[in-house]
Amino acid sequence: MNRFNRWLGAKITDLVGTMWCAYLFAAIALISLPAAISSHNLIIIVAWVAQTFLQLVLLSIIMVGQSVSSEAVAQKIEETHTASLAEFELAKEARALAAEELRELKAITAAVHAKVHQAE
Protein backbone atom coordinates (compact mmCIF):
# COMPACT_ATOMS: atom_id res chain seq x y z
CA MET A 1 0.00 0.00 0.00
CA ASN A 2 2.88 2.36 0.83
CA ARG A 3 4.43 1.84 -2.61
CA PHE A 4 1.10 2.55 -4.30
CA ASN A 5 0.60 5.72 -2.27
CA ARG A 6 4.08 6.95 -3.23
CA TRP A 7 3.48 6.09 -6.87
CA LEU A 8 0.08 7.85 -6.92
CA GLY A 9 1.48 10.88 -5.09
CA ALA A 10 4.35 11.14 -7.59
CA LYS A 11 1.96 10.87 -10.56
CA ILE A 12 -0.36 13.56 -9.18
CA THR A 13 2.61 15.82 -8.39
CA ASP A 14 3.96 15.33 -11.92
CA LEU A 15 0.55 16.21 -13.38
CA VAL A 16 -0.18 19.23 -11.17
CA GLY A 17 3.35 20.57 -11.54
CA THR A 18 2.96 21.53 -15.21
CA MET A 19 2.10 24.77 -16.93
CA TRP A 20 -0.72 22.94 -18.77
CA CYS A 21 -2.31 22.24 -15.40
CA ALA A 22 -1.85 25.91 -14.44
CA TYR A 23 -3.65 26.93 -17.65
CA LEU A 24 -6.47 24.49 -16.91
CA PHE A 25 -6.80 25.74 -13.33
CA ALA A 26 -6.83 29.36 -14.58
CA ALA A 27 -9.63 28.51 -17.00
CA ILE A 28 -11.60 26.80 -14.22
CA ALA A 29 -11.07 29.78 -11.90
CA LEU A 30 -12.16 32.26 -14.58
CA ILE A 31 -15.56 30.53 -14.78
CA SER A 32 -16.55 32.09 -11.45
CA LEU A 33 -14.98 35.52 -12.13
CA PRO A 34 -18.09 37.09 -13.71
CA ALA A 35 -20.18 36.14 -10.66
CA ALA A 36 -17.59 37.64 -8.31
CA ILE A 37 -17.43 40.88 -10.31
CA SER A 38 -21.20 41.16 -10.68
CA SER A 39 -21.58 40.93 -6.91
CA HIS A 40 -19.97 44.40 -6.65
CA ASN A 41 -18.73 43.25 -3.25
CA LEU A 42 -15.03 43.97 -2.72
CA ILE A 43 -14.69 41.17 -0.18
CA ILE A 44 -16.07 38.61 -2.64
CA ILE A 45 -13.77 39.87 -5.42
CA VAL A 46 -10.72 39.79 -3.14
CA ALA A 47 -11.74 36.34 -1.92
CA TRP A 48 -12.07 35.15 -5.53
CA VAL A 49 -8.56 36.42 -6.33
CA ALA A 50 -6.99 34.99 -3.17
CA GLN A 51 -8.92 31.79 -2.66
CA THR A 52 -9.85 30.81 -6.17
CA PHE A 53 -7.38 32.15 -8.67
CA LEU A 54 -4.15 32.39 -6.69
CA GLN A 55 -4.53 29.09 -4.87
CA LEU A 56 -5.46 27.17 -7.99
CA VAL A 57 -3.00 28.69 -10.43
CA LEU A 58 0.01 29.53 -8.28
CA LEU A 59 0.26 25.99 -6.92
CA SER A 60 1.11 24.62 -10.36
CA ILE A 61 3.34 27.57 -11.30
CA ILE A 62 5.32 27.27 -8.05
CA MET A 63 5.78 23.55 -8.66
CA VAL A 64 7.07 24.25 -12.18
CA GLY A 65 9.47 26.84 -10.78
CA GLN A 66 10.73 24.42 -8.14
CA SER A 67 11.28 21.78 -10.80
CA VAL A 68 13.31 24.21 -12.91
CA SER A 69 15.33 25.23 -9.85
CA SER A 70 15.94 21.60 -8.92
CA GLU A 71 17.19 20.84 -12.41
CA ALA A 72 19.58 23.81 -12.24
CA VAL A 73 20.89 22.65 -8.85
CA ALA A 74 21.32 19.10 -10.14
CA GLN A 75 23.28 20.41 -13.12
CA LYS A 76 25.55 22.47 -10.86
CA ILE A 77 26.13 19.46 -8.63
CA GLU A 78 27.05 17.36 -11.66
CA GLU A 79 29.43 20.06 -12.93
CA THR A 80 31.04 20.37 -9.50
CA HIS A 81 31.40 16.60 -9.28
CA THR A 82 33.04 16.44 -12.71
CA ALA A 83 35.40 19.30 -11.84
CA SER A 84 36.28 17.66 -8.51
CA LEU A 85 37.12 14.39 -10.24
CA ALA A 86 39.31 16.24 -12.74
CA GLU A 87 41.11 18.05 -9.88
CA PHE A 88 41.58 14.75 -8.09
CA GLU A 89 43.17 13.21 -11.20
CA LEU A 90 45.49 16.23 -11.52
CA ALA A 91 46.44 15.89 -7.85
CA LYS A 92 47.21 12.18 -8.35
CA GLU A 93 49.42 13.01 -11.35
CA ALA A 94 51.19 15.76 -9.39
CA ARG A 95 51.79 13.35 -6.52
CA ALA A 96 53.21 10.73 -8.88
CA LEU A 97 55.54 13.35 -10.42
CA ALA A 98 56.62 14.53 -6.98
CA ALA A 99 57.35 10.94 -5.93
CA GLU A 100 59.44 10.41 -9.07
CA GLU A 101 61.34 13.65 -8.47
CA LEU A 102 61.95 12.62 -4.85
CA ARG A 103 63.36 9.27 -6.01
CA GLU A 104 65.63 11.09 -8.47
CA LEU A 105 66.78 13.54 -5.78
CA LYS A 106 67.56 10.67 -3.41
CA ALA A 107 69.58 8.96 -6.15
CA ILE A 108 71.47 12.18 -6.89
CA THR A 109 72.07 12.77 -3.17
CA ALA A 110 73.36 9.21 -2.77
CA ALA A 111 75.68 9.67 -5.77
CA VAL A 112 76.99 12.98 -4.37
CA HIS A 113 77.60 11.37 -0.96
CA ALA A 114 79.41 8.49 -2.64
CA LYS A 115 81.67 10.92 -4.56
CA VAL A 116 82.34 12.93 -1.41
CA HIS A 117 83.27 9.77 0.52
CA GLN A 118 85.53 8.61 -2.36
CA ALA A 119 87.34 11.92 -2.36
CA GLU A 120 88.08 11.72 1.36
C-alpha atoms as a PDB file:
ATOM      1  CA  MET A   1       0.000   0.000   0.000  1.00  0.00           C
ATOM      2  CA  ASN A   2       2.882   2.364   0.826  1.00  0.00           C
ATOM      3  CA  ARG A   3       4.428   1.841  -2.608  1.00  0.00           C
ATOM      4  CA  PHE A   4       1.098   2.545  -4.303  1.00  0.00           C
ATOM      5  CA  ASN A   5       0.603   5.719  -2.266  1.00  0.00           C
ATOM      6  CA  ARG A   6       4.077   6.953  -3.228  1.00  0.00           C
ATOM      7  CA  TRP A   7       3.481   6.087  -6.871  1.00  0.00           C
ATOM      8  CA  LEU A   8       0.084   7.850  -6.919  1.00  0.00           C
ATOM      9  CA  GLY A   9       1.484  10.882  -5.095  1.00  0.00           C
ATOM     10  CA  ALA A  10       4.345  11.144  -7.588  1.00  0.00           C
ATOM     11  CA  LYS A  11       1.961  10.873 -10.555  1.00  0.00           C
ATOM     12  CA  ILE A  12      -0.358  13.564  -9.180  1.00  0.00           C
ATOM     13  CA  THR A  13       2.612  15.815  -8.385  1.00  0.00           C
ATOM     14  CA  ASP A  14       3.961  15.329 -11.919  1.00  0.00           C
ATOM     15  CA  LEU A  15       0.555  16.210 -13.381  1.00  0.00           C
ATOM     16  CA  VAL A  16      -0.184  19.225 -11.166  1.00  0.00           C
ATOM     17  CA  GLY A  17       3.354  20.574 -11.539  1.00  0.00           C
ATOM     18  CA  THR A  18       2.956  21.530 -15.210  1.00  0.00           C
ATOM     19  CA  MET A  19       2.095  24.765 -16.927  1.00  0.00           C
ATOM     20  CA  TRP A  20      -0.722  22.944 -18.768  1.00  0.00           C
ATOM     21  CA  CYS A  21      -2.311  22.244 -15.401  1.00  0.00           C
ATOM     22  CA  ALA A  22      -1.850  25.910 -14.440  1.00  0.00           C
ATOM     23  CA  TYR A  23      -3.649  26.933 -17.653  1.00  0.00           C
ATOM     24  CA  LEU A  24      -6.469  24.485 -16.909  1.00  0.00           C
ATOM     25  CA  PHE A  25      -6.801  25.740 -13.326  1.00  0.00           C
ATOM     26  CA  ALA A  26      -6.828  29.357 -14.585  1.00  0.00           C
ATOM     27  CA  ALA A  27      -9.632  28.511 -17.001  1.00  0.00           C
ATOM     28  CA  ILE A  28     -11.598  26.801 -14.221  1.00  0.00           C
ATOM     29  CA  ALA A  29     -11.073  29.776 -11.898  1.00  0.00           C
ATOM     30  CA  LEU A  30     -12.160  32.259 -14.579  1.00  0.00           C
ATOM     31  CA  ILE A  31     -15.558  30.535 -14.781  1.00  0.00           C
ATOM     32  CA  SER A  32     -16.546  32.090 -11.448  1.00  0.00           C
ATOM     33  CA  LEU A  33     -14.982  35.519 -12.129  1.00  0.00           C
ATOM     34  CA  PRO A  34     -18.092  37.091 -13.710  1.00  0.00           C
ATOM     35  CA  ALA A  35     -20.181  36.140 -10.661  1.00  0.00           C
ATOM     36  CA  ALA A  36     -17.590  37.640  -8.314  1.00  0.00           C
ATOM     37  CA  ILE A  37     -17.431  40.879 -10.315  1.00  0.00           C
ATOM     38  CA  SER A  38     -21.204  41.159 -10.677  1.00  0.00           C
ATOM     39  CA  SER A  39     -21.583  40.927  -6.908  1.00  0.00           C
ATOM     40  CA  HIS A  40     -19.968  44.397  -6.649  1.00  0.00           C
ATOM     41  CA  ASN A  41     -18.732  43.254  -3.253  1.00  0.00           C
ATOM     42  CA  LEU A  42     -15.031  43.971  -2.722  1.00  0.00           C
ATOM     43  CA  ILE A  43     -14.688  41.169  -0.179  1.00  0.00           C
ATOM     44  CA  ILE A  44     -16.066  38.610  -2.645  1.00  0.00           C
ATOM     45  CA  ILE A  45     -13.765  39.875  -5.425  1.00  0.00           C
ATOM     46  CA  VAL A  46     -10.716  39.789  -3.139  1.00  0.00           C
ATOM     47  CA  ALA A  47     -11.744  36.336  -1.923  1.00  0.00           C
ATOM     48  CA  TRP A  48     -12.072  35.147  -5.533  1.00  0.00           C
ATOM     49  CA  VAL A  49      -8.560  36.420  -6.329  1.00  0.00           C
ATOM     50  CA  ALA A  50      -6.990  34.994  -3.170  1.00  0.00           C
ATOM     51  CA  GLN A  51      -8.915  31.786  -2.660  1.00  0.00           C
ATOM     52  CA  THR A  52      -9.851  30.806  -6.172  1.00  0.00           C
ATOM     53  CA  PHE A  53      -7.380  32.154  -8.669  1.00  0.00           C
ATOM     54  CA  LEU A  54      -4.150  32.390  -6.690  1.00  0.00           C
ATOM     55  CA  GLN A  55      -4.535  29.085  -4.866  1.00  0.00           C
ATOM     56  CA  LEU A  56      -5.463  27.172  -7.994  1.00  0.00           C
ATOM     57  CA  VAL A  57      -3.001  28.686 -10.432  1.00  0.00           C
ATOM     58  CA  LEU A  58       0.011  29.530  -8.281  1.00  0.00           C
ATOM     59  CA  LEU A  59       0.260  25.993  -6.919  1.00  0.00           C
ATOM     60  CA  SER A  60       1.113  24.623 -10.359  1.00  0.00           C
ATOM     61  CA  ILE A  61       3.335  27.567 -11.295  1.00  0.00           C
ATOM     62  CA  ILE A  62       5.324  27.269  -8.053  1.00  0.00           C
ATOM     63  CA  MET A  63       5.776  23.549  -8.663  1.00  0.00           C
ATOM     64  CA  VAL A  64       7.067  24.248 -12.181  1.00  0.00           C
ATOM     65  CA  GLY A  65       9.474  26.836 -10.782  1.00  0.00           C
ATOM     66  CA  GLN A  66      10.727  24.416  -8.139  1.00  0.00           C
ATOM     67  CA  SER A  67      11.277  21.777 -10.800  1.00  0.00           C
ATOM     68  CA  VAL A  68      13.309  24.208 -12.913  1.00  0.00           C
ATOM     69  CA  SER A  69      15.330  25.229  -9.851  1.00  0.00           C
ATOM     70  CA  SER A  70      15.940  21.597  -8.917  1.00  0.00           C
ATOM     71  CA  GLU A  71      17.187  20.840 -12.412  1.00  0.00           C
ATOM     72  CA  ALA A  72      19.582  23.806 -12.236  1.00  0.00           C
ATOM     73  CA  VAL A  73      20.895  22.654  -8.851  1.00  0.00           C
ATOM     74  CA  ALA A  74      21.319  19.098 -10.135  1.00  0.00           C
ATOM     75  CA  GLN A  75      23.280  20.406 -13.123  1.00  0.00           C
ATOM     76  CA  LYS A  76      25.550  22.471 -10.857  1.00  0.00           C
ATOM     77  CA  ILE A  77      26.125  19.459  -8.630  1.00  0.00           C
ATOM     78  CA  GLU A  78      27.054  17.357 -11.658  1.00  0.00           C
ATOM     79  CA  GLU A  79      29.431  20.059 -12.934  1.00  0.00           C
ATOM     80  CA  THR A  80      31.038  20.367  -9.496  1.00  0.00           C
ATOM     81  CA  HIS A  81      31.403  16.602  -9.279  1.00  0.00           C
ATOM     82  CA  THR A  82      33.041  16.438 -12.706  1.00  0.00           C
ATOM     83  CA  ALA A  83      35.396  19.300 -11.843  1.00  0.00           C
ATOM     84  CA  SER A  84      36.281  17.663  -8.514  1.00  0.00           C
ATOM     85  CA  LEU A  85      37.122  14.386 -10.240  1.00  0.00           C
ATOM     86  CA  ALA A  86      39.310  16.239 -12.735  1.00  0.00           C
ATOM     87  CA  GLU A  87      41.110  18.054  -9.884  1.00  0.00           C
ATOM     88  CA  PHE A  88      41.576  14.745  -8.093  1.00  0.00           C
ATOM     89  CA  GLU A  89      43.167  13.214 -11.200  1.00  0.00           C
ATOM     90  CA  LEU A  90      45.488  16.233 -11.517  1.00  0.00           C
ATOM     91  CA  ALA A  91      46.444  15.886  -7.854  1.00  0.00           C
ATOM     92  CA  LYS A  92      47.208  12.182  -8.353  1.00  0.00           C
ATOM     93  CA  GLU A  93      49.416  13.012 -11.347  1.00  0.00           C
ATOM     94  CA  ALA A  94      51.193  15.756  -9.393  1.00  0.00           C
ATOM     95  CA  ARG A  95      51.786  13.351  -6.516  1.00  0.00           C
ATOM     96  CA  ALA A  96      53.214  10.729  -8.878  1.00  0.00           C
ATOM     97  CA  LEU A  97      55.539  13.349 -10.422  1.00  0.00           C
ATOM     98  CA  ALA A  98      56.625  14.526  -6.981  1.00  0.00           C
ATOM     99  CA  ALA A  99      57.345  10.940  -5.931  1.00  0.00           C
ATOM    100  CA  GLU A 100      59.443  10.407  -9.073  1.00  0.00           C
ATOM    101  CA  GLU A 101      61.341  13.649  -8.470  1.00  0.00           C
ATOM    102  CA  LEU A 102      61.952  12.616  -4.854  1.00  0.00           C
ATOM    103  CA  ARG A 103      63.362   9.267  -6.008  1.00  0.00           C
ATOM    104  CA  GLU A 104      65.631  11.089  -8.474  1.00  0.00           C
ATOM    105  CA  LEU A 105      66.785  13.537  -5.780  1.00  0.00           C
ATOM    106  CA  LYS A 106      67.565  10.666  -3.408  1.00  0.00           C
ATOM    107  CA  ALA A 107      69.584   8.958  -6.150  1.00  0.00           C
ATOM    108  CA  ILE A 108      71.473  12.178  -6.888  1.00  0.00           C
ATOM    109  CA  THR A 109      72.071  12.768  -3.168  1.00  0.00           C
ATOM    110  CA  ALA A 110      73.360   9.210  -2.772  1.00  0.00           C
ATOM    111  CA  ALA A 111      75.677   9.675  -5.771  1.00  0.00           C
ATOM    112  CA  VAL A 112      76.990  12.984  -4.365  1.00  0.00           C
ATOM    113  CA  HIS A 113      77.598  11.367  -0.959  1.00  0.00           C
ATOM    114  CA  ALA A 114      79.406   8.493  -2.637  1.00  0.00           C
ATOM    115  CA  LYS A 115      81.671  10.919  -4.559  1.00  0.00           C
ATOM    116  CA  VAL A 116      82.345  12.929  -1.406  1.00  0.00           C
ATOM    117  CA  HIS A 117      83.274   9.775   0.522  1.00  0.00           C
ATOM    118  CA  GLN A 118      85.529   8.607  -2.356  1.00  0.00           C
ATOM    119  CA  ALA A 119      87.343  11.922  -2.360  1.00  0.00           C
ATOM    120  CA  GLU A 120      88.081  11.723   1.360  1.00  0.00           C
END
